[in-house]
N, C-alpha and C. Protein backbone atom coordinates (compact mmCIF):
# COMPACT_ATOMS: atom_id res chain seq x y z
N UNK A 1 38.56 143.95 12.98
CA UNK A 1 39.43 142.99 13.66
C UNK A 1 39.99 143.60 14.94
N UNK A 2 40.09 142.83 15.99
CA UNK A 2 40.57 143.32 17.28
C UNK A 2 42.04 143.70 17.20
N UNK A 3 42.43 144.67 18.04
CA UNK A 3 43.83 145.09 18.07
C UNK A 3 44.68 144.01 18.74
N UNK A 4 46.00 143.98 18.43
CA UNK A 4 46.87 142.98 19.07
C UNK A 4 46.85 143.06 20.60
N UNK A 5 46.80 144.30 21.15
CA UNK A 5 46.78 144.45 22.60
C UNK A 5 45.49 143.87 23.19
N UNK A 6 44.36 144.11 22.50
CA UNK A 6 43.09 143.57 22.98
C UNK A 6 43.11 142.04 22.95
N UNK A 7 43.70 141.46 21.91
CA UNK A 7 43.80 140.00 21.83
C UNK A 7 44.66 139.45 22.96
N UNK A 8 45.78 140.14 23.24
CA UNK A 8 46.65 139.71 24.33
C UNK A 8 45.91 139.76 25.66
N UNK A 9 45.21 140.88 25.91
CA UNK A 9 44.48 141.03 27.17
C UNK A 9 43.33 140.04 27.29
N UNK A 10 42.68 139.74 26.17
CA UNK A 10 41.60 138.76 26.18
C UNK A 10 42.12 137.38 26.56
N UNK A 11 43.22 136.98 25.91
CA UNK A 11 43.83 135.68 26.23
C UNK A 11 44.27 135.63 27.69
N UNK A 12 44.87 136.73 28.16
CA UNK A 12 45.33 136.79 29.56
C UNK A 12 44.15 136.60 30.51
N UNK A 13 43.06 137.34 30.27
CA UNK A 13 41.91 137.29 31.17
C UNK A 13 41.24 135.92 31.15
N UNK A 14 41.09 135.34 29.96
CA UNK A 14 40.42 134.04 29.85
C UNK A 14 41.24 132.96 30.56
N UNK A 15 42.53 132.90 30.27
CA UNK A 15 43.38 131.85 30.85
C UNK A 15 43.52 132.05 32.36
N UNK A 16 43.65 133.28 32.82
CA UNK A 16 43.75 133.54 34.26
C UNK A 16 42.48 133.06 34.97
N UNK A 17 41.32 133.35 34.39
CA UNK A 17 40.06 132.93 35.00
C UNK A 17 39.93 131.41 35.04
N UNK A 18 40.43 130.75 34.01
CA UNK A 18 40.35 129.28 33.94
C UNK A 18 41.32 128.63 34.92
N UNK A 19 42.52 129.20 35.08
CA UNK A 19 43.59 128.55 35.84
C UNK A 19 43.59 128.85 37.33
N UNK A 20 43.04 129.96 37.77
CA UNK A 20 43.12 130.29 39.20
C UNK A 20 42.52 129.20 40.10
N UNK A 21 41.35 128.64 39.75
CA UNK A 21 40.84 127.57 40.63
C UNK A 21 41.28 126.18 40.17
N UNK A 22 42.24 126.09 39.27
CA UNK A 22 42.56 124.82 38.62
C UNK A 22 43.69 124.08 39.34
N UNK A 23 43.95 122.85 38.87
CA UNK A 23 45.00 122.00 39.46
C UNK A 23 46.40 122.57 39.26
N UNK A 24 46.57 123.48 38.29
CA UNK A 24 47.88 124.10 38.05
C UNK A 24 48.39 124.79 39.30
N UNK A 25 47.53 125.57 39.93
CA UNK A 25 47.92 126.29 41.14
C UNK A 25 48.29 125.31 42.25
N UNK A 26 47.49 124.27 42.41
CA UNK A 26 47.74 123.27 43.46
C UNK A 26 49.06 122.54 43.21
N UNK A 27 49.27 122.11 41.96
CA UNK A 27 50.49 121.36 41.64
C UNK A 27 51.74 122.22 41.86
N UNK A 28 51.70 123.47 41.44
CA UNK A 28 52.84 124.37 41.63
C UNK A 28 53.08 124.63 43.10
N UNK A 29 52.00 124.81 43.85
CA UNK A 29 52.12 125.04 45.30
C UNK A 29 52.79 123.86 45.98
N UNK A 30 52.36 122.66 45.62
CA UNK A 30 52.93 121.45 46.22
C UNK A 30 54.42 121.34 45.88
N UNK A 31 54.78 121.60 44.65
CA UNK A 31 56.19 121.53 44.25
C UNK A 31 57.03 122.52 45.05
N UNK A 32 56.47 123.70 45.33
CA UNK A 32 57.21 124.72 46.07
C UNK A 32 57.41 124.33 47.52
N UNK A 33 56.49 123.55 48.08
CA UNK A 33 56.68 123.10 49.47
C UNK A 33 57.75 122.01 49.55
N UNK A 34 58.08 121.42 48.40
CA UNK A 34 59.06 120.33 48.40
C UNK A 34 60.44 120.78 47.92
N UNK A 35 60.46 121.68 46.93
CA UNK A 35 61.73 122.16 46.35
C UNK A 35 61.87 123.66 46.56
N UNK A 36 63.06 124.15 46.25
CA UNK A 36 63.28 125.60 46.33
C UNK A 36 62.43 126.33 45.29
N UNK A 37 62.07 127.57 45.60
CA UNK A 37 61.13 128.32 44.76
C UNK A 37 61.68 128.61 43.36
N UNK A 38 62.94 129.00 43.27
CA UNK A 38 63.49 129.43 41.97
C UNK A 38 63.46 128.33 40.91
N UNK A 39 63.96 127.11 41.18
CA UNK A 39 63.89 126.08 40.15
C UNK A 39 62.46 125.65 39.82
N UNK A 40 61.57 125.67 40.82
CA UNK A 40 60.18 125.33 40.55
C UNK A 40 59.57 126.34 39.60
N UNK A 41 59.78 127.62 39.88
CA UNK A 41 59.21 128.68 39.05
C UNK A 41 59.76 128.60 37.63
N UNK A 42 61.07 128.36 37.51
CA UNK A 42 61.68 128.24 36.18
C UNK A 42 61.09 127.06 35.41
N UNK A 43 61.05 125.89 36.04
CA UNK A 43 60.54 124.70 35.37
C UNK A 43 59.09 124.85 34.96
N UNK A 44 58.28 125.42 35.84
CA UNK A 44 56.86 125.61 35.56
C UNK A 44 56.66 126.59 34.41
N UNK A 45 57.40 127.71 34.43
CA UNK A 45 57.25 128.72 33.37
C UNK A 45 57.67 128.18 32.01
N UNK A 46 58.72 127.36 31.96
CA UNK A 46 59.15 126.76 30.69
C UNK A 46 58.10 125.76 30.20
N UNK A 47 57.52 124.98 31.13
CA UNK A 47 56.46 124.04 30.76
C UNK A 47 55.28 124.79 30.15
N UNK A 48 54.91 125.90 30.78
CA UNK A 48 53.80 126.71 30.27
C UNK A 48 54.14 127.29 28.89
N UNK A 49 55.38 127.70 28.70
CA UNK A 49 55.79 128.26 27.42
C UNK A 49 55.65 127.21 26.31
N UNK A 50 56.12 126.00 26.58
CA UNK A 50 56.01 124.92 25.59
C UNK A 50 54.54 124.62 25.30
N UNK A 51 53.73 124.56 26.35
CA UNK A 51 52.31 124.27 26.16
C UNK A 51 51.61 125.35 25.34
N UNK A 52 51.96 126.60 25.57
CA UNK A 52 51.37 127.70 24.80
C UNK A 52 51.79 127.64 23.34
N UNK A 53 53.06 127.32 23.11
CA UNK A 53 53.54 127.18 21.73
C UNK A 53 52.78 126.06 21.01
N UNK A 54 52.62 124.93 21.70
CA UNK A 54 51.87 123.81 21.12
C UNK A 54 50.44 124.23 20.82
N UNK A 55 49.81 124.94 21.77
CA UNK A 55 48.40 125.33 21.61
C UNK A 55 48.21 126.26 20.42
N UNK A 56 49.07 127.28 20.30
CA UNK A 56 48.89 128.22 19.19
C UNK A 56 49.32 127.62 17.87
N UNK A 57 50.26 126.68 17.90
CA UNK A 57 50.71 126.05 16.66
C UNK A 57 49.60 125.20 16.04
N UNK A 58 48.88 124.51 16.87
CA UNK A 58 47.83 123.64 16.36
C UNK A 58 46.47 124.33 16.27
N UNK A 59 46.33 125.47 16.99
CA UNK A 59 45.07 126.19 16.93
C UNK A 59 43.90 125.32 17.30
N UNK A 60 42.86 125.41 16.56
CA UNK A 60 41.65 124.67 16.89
C UNK A 60 41.78 123.17 16.67
N UNK A 61 42.83 122.72 15.96
CA UNK A 61 43.02 121.28 15.74
C UNK A 61 43.25 120.53 17.04
N UNK A 62 43.81 121.21 18.05
CA UNK A 62 44.09 120.57 19.33
C UNK A 62 42.81 120.06 19.98
N UNK A 63 41.71 120.79 19.74
CA UNK A 63 40.45 120.40 20.36
C UNK A 63 39.88 119.13 19.74
N UNK A 64 40.44 118.69 18.60
CA UNK A 64 39.94 117.50 17.93
C UNK A 64 40.62 116.21 18.41
N UNK A 65 41.63 116.34 19.30
CA UNK A 65 42.27 115.14 19.85
C UNK A 65 41.25 114.32 20.62
N UNK A 66 41.38 113.00 20.62
CA UNK A 66 40.42 112.17 21.36
C UNK A 66 40.41 112.53 22.85
N UNK A 67 39.28 112.98 23.32
CA UNK A 67 39.15 113.42 24.72
C UNK A 67 39.44 112.28 25.68
N UNK A 68 38.97 111.08 25.37
CA UNK A 68 39.18 109.95 26.27
C UNK A 68 40.66 109.63 26.44
N UNK A 69 41.43 109.76 25.36
CA UNK A 69 42.86 109.49 25.44
C UNK A 69 43.55 110.50 26.36
N UNK A 70 43.22 111.78 26.18
CA UNK A 70 43.83 112.84 26.98
C UNK A 70 43.47 112.68 28.45
N UNK A 71 42.17 112.50 28.75
CA UNK A 71 41.76 112.38 30.16
C UNK A 71 42.28 111.10 30.81
N UNK A 72 42.42 110.03 30.00
CA UNK A 72 42.98 108.78 30.53
C UNK A 72 44.43 108.94 30.96
N UNK A 73 45.23 109.61 30.14
CA UNK A 73 46.63 109.86 30.48
C UNK A 73 46.73 110.76 31.70
N UNK A 74 45.90 111.81 31.74
CA UNK A 74 45.91 112.72 32.89
C UNK A 74 45.54 111.97 34.17
N UNK A 75 44.53 111.09 34.10
CA UNK A 75 44.13 110.31 35.27
C UNK A 75 45.28 109.44 35.77
N UNK A 76 45.97 108.80 34.83
CA UNK A 76 47.10 107.94 35.19
C UNK A 76 48.21 108.75 35.87
N UNK A 77 48.55 109.89 35.29
CA UNK A 77 49.63 110.72 35.84
C UNK A 77 49.29 111.24 37.23
N UNK A 78 48.05 111.70 37.41
CA UNK A 78 47.68 112.19 38.73
C UNK A 78 47.56 111.05 39.73
N UNK A 79 47.16 109.86 39.27
CA UNK A 79 47.13 108.71 40.16
C UNK A 79 48.51 108.35 40.67
N UNK A 80 49.48 108.36 39.76
CA UNK A 80 50.87 108.09 40.15
C UNK A 80 51.37 109.15 41.12
N UNK A 81 51.06 110.41 40.81
CA UNK A 81 51.46 111.51 41.69
C UNK A 81 50.85 111.38 43.08
N UNK A 82 49.58 110.97 43.13
CA UNK A 82 48.90 110.81 44.41
C UNK A 82 49.56 109.72 45.26
N UNK A 83 49.89 108.60 44.62
CA UNK A 83 50.54 107.49 45.34
C UNK A 83 51.88 107.95 45.90
N UNK A 84 52.67 108.64 45.07
CA UNK A 84 54.00 109.11 45.52
C UNK A 84 53.87 110.09 46.67
N UNK A 85 52.94 111.05 46.57
CA UNK A 85 52.78 112.05 47.62
C UNK A 85 52.29 111.42 48.92
N UNK A 86 51.31 110.53 48.82
CA UNK A 86 50.78 109.91 50.03
C UNK A 86 51.82 109.00 50.68
N UNK A 87 52.60 108.30 49.87
CA UNK A 87 53.65 107.43 50.42
C UNK A 87 54.68 108.26 51.18
N UNK A 88 55.09 109.38 50.59
CA UNK A 88 56.07 110.24 51.27
C UNK A 88 55.44 110.94 52.46
N UNK A 89 54.16 111.30 52.34
CA UNK A 89 53.48 112.01 53.42
C UNK A 89 53.32 111.19 54.68
N UNK A 90 53.23 109.86 54.52
CA UNK A 90 53.05 109.00 55.68
C UNK A 90 54.33 108.28 56.09
N UNK A 91 55.42 108.57 55.40
CA UNK A 91 56.70 107.95 55.76
C UNK A 91 57.25 108.62 57.02
N UNK A 92 58.03 107.85 57.78
CA UNK A 92 58.66 108.41 58.98
C UNK A 92 59.81 109.29 58.57
N UNK A 93 59.91 110.45 59.22
CA UNK A 93 60.95 111.42 58.90
C UNK A 93 61.67 111.81 60.17
N UNK A 94 62.98 111.77 60.11
CA UNK A 94 63.78 112.21 61.27
C UNK A 94 63.71 113.73 61.38
N UNK A 95 63.99 114.24 62.58
CA UNK A 95 63.90 115.68 62.82
C UNK A 95 64.79 116.47 61.88
N UNK A 96 65.99 115.99 61.64
CA UNK A 96 66.91 116.70 60.74
C UNK A 96 66.37 116.78 59.34
N UNK A 97 65.77 115.69 58.87
CA UNK A 97 65.18 115.68 57.52
C UNK A 97 63.99 116.62 57.46
N UNK A 98 63.22 116.66 58.53
CA UNK A 98 62.07 117.55 58.58
C UNK A 98 62.50 119.00 58.44
N UNK A 99 63.58 119.37 59.15
CA UNK A 99 64.08 120.74 59.07
C UNK A 99 64.58 121.05 57.67
N UNK A 100 65.27 120.08 57.05
CA UNK A 100 65.79 120.30 55.70
C UNK A 100 64.65 120.47 54.71
N UNK A 101 63.61 119.65 54.86
CA UNK A 101 62.47 119.77 53.95
C UNK A 101 61.76 121.09 54.13
N UNK A 102 61.68 121.51 55.41
CA UNK A 102 60.99 122.76 55.69
C UNK A 102 61.74 123.94 55.12
N UNK A 103 63.06 123.91 55.17
CA UNK A 103 63.85 125.03 54.65
C UNK A 103 63.89 125.04 53.14
N UNK A 104 63.62 123.90 52.51
CA UNK A 104 63.60 123.84 51.06
C UNK A 104 64.98 123.81 50.44
N UNK A 105 66.03 123.68 51.24
CA UNK A 105 67.39 123.70 50.73
C UNK A 105 68.07 122.36 50.90
N UNK A 106 67.34 121.30 50.66
CA UNK A 106 67.87 119.95 50.81
C UNK A 106 68.84 119.61 49.70
N UNK A 107 69.17 118.34 49.56
CA UNK A 107 70.19 117.92 48.62
C UNK A 107 69.75 117.88 47.16
N UNK A 108 68.49 118.23 46.85
CA UNK A 108 68.01 118.15 45.48
C UNK A 108 68.64 119.27 44.65
N UNK A 109 69.36 118.92 43.58
CA UNK A 109 70.02 119.94 42.75
C UNK A 109 69.00 120.84 42.04
N UNK A 110 69.46 122.04 41.69
CA UNK A 110 68.60 123.04 41.03
C UNK A 110 67.94 122.47 39.78
N UNK A 111 68.74 121.90 38.89
CA UNK A 111 68.21 121.46 37.60
C UNK A 111 67.28 120.25 37.73
N UNK A 112 67.53 119.42 38.74
CA UNK A 112 66.61 118.30 38.96
C UNK A 112 65.25 118.82 39.43
N UNK A 113 65.27 119.79 40.33
CA UNK A 113 64.01 120.40 40.79
C UNK A 113 63.28 121.06 39.63
N UNK A 114 64.03 121.77 38.78
CA UNK A 114 63.43 122.46 37.64
C UNK A 114 62.83 121.46 36.65
N UNK A 115 63.57 120.38 36.36
CA UNK A 115 63.09 119.38 35.41
C UNK A 115 61.86 118.64 35.95
N UNK A 116 61.87 118.34 37.26
CA UNK A 116 60.71 117.70 37.87
C UNK A 116 59.49 118.60 37.77
N UNK A 117 59.68 119.88 38.07
CA UNK A 117 58.58 120.84 37.99
C UNK A 117 58.07 120.96 36.56
N UNK A 118 59.01 120.99 35.61
CA UNK A 118 58.63 121.05 34.20
C UNK A 118 57.77 119.85 33.83
N UNK A 119 58.23 118.65 34.21
CA UNK A 119 57.51 117.43 33.85
C UNK A 119 56.12 117.36 34.44
N UNK A 120 56.01 117.72 35.72
CA UNK A 120 54.71 117.66 36.39
C UNK A 120 53.72 118.61 35.74
N UNK A 121 54.13 119.86 35.52
CA UNK A 121 53.20 120.84 34.96
C UNK A 121 52.94 120.61 33.48
N UNK A 122 53.94 120.12 32.76
CA UNK A 122 53.73 119.83 31.34
C UNK A 122 52.66 118.75 31.19
N UNK A 123 52.75 117.71 32.03
CA UNK A 123 51.76 116.63 31.98
C UNK A 123 50.40 117.11 32.44
N UNK A 124 50.39 117.91 33.50
CA UNK A 124 49.11 118.38 34.06
C UNK A 124 48.37 119.29 33.09
N UNK A 125 49.12 120.07 32.32
CA UNK A 125 48.49 121.05 31.43
C UNK A 125 48.12 120.49 30.07
N UNK A 126 48.60 119.28 29.75
CA UNK A 126 48.32 118.75 28.41
C UNK A 126 46.83 118.51 28.23
N UNK A 127 46.23 119.18 27.24
CA UNK A 127 44.80 119.05 27.00
C UNK A 127 43.95 119.75 28.04
N UNK A 128 44.56 120.59 28.87
CA UNK A 128 43.84 121.29 29.92
C UNK A 128 42.98 122.40 29.32
N UNK A 129 42.07 122.94 30.13
CA UNK A 129 41.15 123.98 29.65
C UNK A 129 41.90 125.20 29.13
N UNK A 130 43.00 125.57 29.79
CA UNK A 130 43.73 126.75 29.35
C UNK A 130 44.39 126.53 27.99
N UNK A 131 44.89 125.32 27.75
CA UNK A 131 45.50 125.02 26.46
C UNK A 131 44.45 125.00 25.36
N UNK A 132 43.31 124.42 25.66
CA UNK A 132 42.23 124.39 24.69
C UNK A 132 41.69 125.79 24.43
N UNK A 133 41.62 126.62 25.49
CA UNK A 133 41.18 128.00 25.32
C UNK A 133 42.16 128.78 24.45
N UNK A 134 43.45 128.55 24.67
CA UNK A 134 44.47 129.22 23.87
C UNK A 134 44.35 128.82 22.40
N UNK A 135 44.14 127.53 22.16
CA UNK A 135 43.97 127.05 20.79
C UNK A 135 42.72 127.65 20.15
N UNK A 136 41.64 127.70 20.91
CA UNK A 136 40.39 128.25 20.39
C UNK A 136 40.50 129.73 20.08
N UNK A 137 41.15 130.49 20.97
CA UNK A 137 41.33 131.92 20.74
C UNK A 137 42.23 132.17 19.53
N UNK A 138 43.24 131.32 19.36
CA UNK A 138 44.11 131.45 18.19
C UNK A 138 43.34 131.23 16.91
N UNK A 139 42.50 130.20 16.92
CA UNK A 139 41.69 129.91 15.73
C UNK A 139 40.71 131.05 15.45
N UNK A 140 40.18 131.64 16.51
CA UNK A 140 39.18 132.70 16.36
C UNK A 140 39.79 134.02 15.88
N UNK A 141 40.89 134.43 16.54
CA UNK A 141 41.47 135.74 16.23
C UNK A 141 42.55 135.69 15.16
N UNK A 142 43.18 134.53 14.97
CA UNK A 142 44.20 134.41 13.94
C UNK A 142 45.50 135.13 14.24
N UNK A 143 45.79 135.36 15.53
CA UNK A 143 47.05 136.02 15.91
C UNK A 143 47.74 135.17 16.97
N UNK A 144 48.48 134.14 16.55
CA UNK A 144 49.07 133.22 17.53
C UNK A 144 50.08 133.88 18.47
N UNK A 145 50.78 134.91 18.00
CA UNK A 145 51.80 135.55 18.85
C UNK A 145 51.16 136.24 20.05
N UNK A 146 50.18 137.10 19.80
CA UNK A 146 49.54 137.84 20.89
C UNK A 146 48.76 136.91 21.83
N UNK A 147 48.06 135.95 21.24
CA UNK A 147 47.31 135.00 22.07
C UNK A 147 48.27 134.17 22.91
N UNK A 148 49.35 133.73 22.31
CA UNK A 148 50.35 132.93 23.04
C UNK A 148 50.98 133.70 24.18
N UNK A 149 51.35 134.95 23.91
CA UNK A 149 51.96 135.78 24.96
C UNK A 149 50.97 136.04 26.09
N UNK A 150 49.74 136.38 25.74
CA UNK A 150 48.73 136.63 26.77
C UNK A 150 48.46 135.41 27.63
N UNK A 151 48.34 134.27 27.00
CA UNK A 151 48.11 133.02 27.74
C UNK A 151 49.28 132.69 28.65
N UNK A 152 50.49 132.81 28.13
CA UNK A 152 51.67 132.47 28.91
C UNK A 152 51.82 133.40 30.11
N UNK A 153 51.57 134.70 29.90
CA UNK A 153 51.67 135.65 31.02
C UNK A 153 50.67 135.32 32.12
N UNK A 154 49.46 134.91 31.74
CA UNK A 154 48.46 134.53 32.74
C UNK A 154 48.93 133.31 33.54
N UNK A 155 49.50 132.34 32.85
CA UNK A 155 50.01 131.15 33.53
C UNK A 155 51.18 131.48 34.45
N UNK A 156 52.04 132.40 34.02
CA UNK A 156 53.17 132.82 34.86
C UNK A 156 52.66 133.51 36.13
N UNK A 157 51.61 134.32 36.01
CA UNK A 157 51.03 134.97 37.19
C UNK A 157 50.49 133.93 38.17
N UNK A 158 49.79 132.92 37.65
CA UNK A 158 49.26 131.84 38.51
C UNK A 158 50.42 131.10 39.19
N UNK A 159 51.47 130.80 38.41
CA UNK A 159 52.63 130.10 38.97
C UNK A 159 53.30 130.95 40.05
N UNK A 160 53.44 132.24 39.80
CA UNK A 160 54.06 133.13 40.78
C UNK A 160 53.27 133.17 42.08
N UNK A 161 51.95 133.25 41.97
CA UNK A 161 51.10 133.26 43.16
C UNK A 161 51.24 131.95 43.94
N UNK A 162 51.27 130.83 43.20
CA UNK A 162 51.39 129.52 43.85
C UNK A 162 52.74 129.38 44.55
N UNK A 163 53.81 129.86 43.92
CA UNK A 163 55.14 129.79 44.52
C UNK A 163 55.19 130.62 45.81
N UNK A 164 54.61 131.82 45.78
CA UNK A 164 54.61 132.67 46.98
C UNK A 164 53.81 132.02 48.11
N UNK A 165 52.65 131.46 47.78
CA UNK A 165 51.84 130.79 48.80
C UNK A 165 52.57 129.56 49.33
N UNK A 166 53.19 128.81 48.41
CA UNK A 166 53.93 127.62 48.82
C UNK A 166 55.07 127.92 49.77
N UNK A 167 55.78 129.02 49.53
CA UNK A 167 56.89 129.40 50.42
C UNK A 167 56.38 129.73 51.81
N UNK A 168 55.24 130.43 51.87
CA UNK A 168 54.65 130.78 53.17
C UNK A 168 54.20 129.53 53.92
N UNK A 169 53.56 128.63 53.20
CA UNK A 169 53.08 127.39 53.83
C UNK A 169 54.25 126.54 54.31
N UNK A 170 55.31 126.46 53.51
CA UNK A 170 56.46 125.63 53.85
C UNK A 170 57.08 126.07 55.16
N UNK A 171 57.07 127.38 55.44
CA UNK A 171 57.68 127.90 56.66
C UNK A 171 56.81 127.68 57.89
N UNK A 172 55.52 127.42 57.71
CA UNK A 172 54.62 127.33 58.84
C UNK A 172 53.98 125.96 59.06
N UNK A 173 53.98 125.14 58.05
CA UNK A 173 53.28 123.85 58.12
C UNK A 173 54.28 122.72 57.90
N UNK A 174 54.07 121.62 58.59
CA UNK A 174 54.93 120.46 58.40
C UNK A 174 54.81 119.96 56.96
N UNK A 175 55.95 119.73 56.29
CA UNK A 175 55.91 119.30 54.89
C UNK A 175 55.10 118.02 54.66
N UNK A 176 55.13 117.09 55.63
CA UNK A 176 54.41 115.83 55.44
C UNK A 176 52.89 116.06 55.44
N UNK A 177 52.43 117.05 56.21
CA UNK A 177 51.00 117.37 56.20
C UNK A 177 50.59 117.91 54.83
N UNK A 178 51.42 118.79 54.27
CA UNK A 178 51.15 119.33 52.93
C UNK A 178 51.11 118.21 51.90
N UNK A 179 52.07 117.27 52.00
CA UNK A 179 52.11 116.17 51.05
C UNK A 179 50.87 115.29 51.15
N UNK A 180 50.38 115.07 52.37
CA UNK A 180 49.18 114.26 52.54
C UNK A 180 47.96 114.94 51.91
N UNK A 181 47.82 116.25 52.19
CA UNK A 181 46.69 117.00 51.60
C UNK A 181 46.81 117.00 50.09
N UNK A 182 48.03 117.24 49.57
CA UNK A 182 48.25 117.26 48.13
C UNK A 182 47.96 115.89 47.52
N UNK A 183 48.34 114.82 48.22
CA UNK A 183 48.07 113.48 47.74
C UNK A 183 46.58 113.22 47.60
N UNK A 184 45.80 113.70 48.57
CA UNK A 184 44.34 113.55 48.50
C UNK A 184 43.79 114.35 47.32
N UNK A 185 44.29 115.60 47.14
CA UNK A 185 43.83 116.42 46.02
C UNK A 185 44.18 115.78 44.68
N UNK A 186 45.40 115.24 44.57
CA UNK A 186 45.80 114.58 43.33
C UNK A 186 44.92 113.35 43.07
N UNK A 187 44.54 112.65 44.15
CA UNK A 187 43.65 111.50 44.01
C UNK A 187 42.30 111.94 43.46
N UNK A 188 41.80 113.07 43.95
CA UNK A 188 40.53 113.61 43.46
C UNK A 188 40.64 113.96 41.98
N UNK A 189 41.74 114.64 41.59
CA UNK A 189 41.95 114.97 40.18
C UNK A 189 41.99 113.71 39.32
N UNK A 190 42.65 112.68 39.82
CA UNK A 190 42.75 111.41 39.08
C UNK A 190 41.38 110.78 38.90
N UNK A 191 40.57 110.80 39.96
CA UNK A 191 39.23 110.22 39.88
C UNK A 191 38.33 111.00 38.91
N UNK A 192 38.44 112.32 38.94
CA UNK A 192 37.65 113.16 38.03
C UNK A 192 38.04 112.85 36.57
N UNK A 193 39.34 112.79 36.32
CA UNK A 193 39.81 112.50 34.96
C UNK A 193 39.39 111.10 34.53
N UNK A 194 39.46 110.14 35.44
CA UNK A 194 39.02 108.78 35.13
C UNK A 194 37.53 108.73 34.81
N UNK A 195 36.74 109.46 35.59
CA UNK A 195 35.30 109.54 35.35
C UNK A 195 35.02 110.11 33.95
N UNK A 196 35.75 111.19 33.60
CA UNK A 196 35.57 111.80 32.27
C UNK A 196 35.99 110.84 31.16
N UNK A 197 37.02 110.03 31.44
CA UNK A 197 37.49 109.05 30.43
C UNK A 197 36.43 108.00 30.18
N UNK A 198 35.80 107.52 31.25
CA UNK A 198 34.85 106.41 31.12
C UNK A 198 33.45 106.90 30.70
N UNK A 199 33.01 107.99 31.33
CA UNK A 199 31.62 108.43 31.11
C UNK A 199 31.51 109.72 30.30
N UNK A 200 32.66 110.34 29.99
CA UNK A 200 32.63 111.61 29.27
C UNK A 200 32.22 111.50 27.82
């Protein structure tokens, strides 16, 4: 049987490889261009923690959920997100509002930013490849604690990278341009999920 450290490192490597090119990084990056970094990072990390707990608790049973149901909900959520981002991205913004959005210190309270970030990432990660991988690894190795910790740490690393990139982009790029690009990306994610729901 593999050692606990090896199981942790395996889960970390698998989830990191799955998540780096995934929508998780994009969603976290977009949130950071809109809200302050600290509440976004907190909300995202708590969402990942809950998702990892769910994944290891159910183990391989999670993979038996109806795929069409999961992808249908994901398509709907990303579709709604795309509409909201594109609407805000093309809205007229006064210079003062532009500066406030760029600085990230607007009137949005800390806990509202954190809760929004939690909700977005919790929905985005439900039934995602990383959650299914975590469930599969738990079923295979039989050590939910080490697998859960390894998976969560990988997700935190991805979130941290996205927050750092988002802060750099926010200082150099107009927020409305980021929202437009993010809206297009969310539309693509919604279409992919819809395709998987119908033809998967």
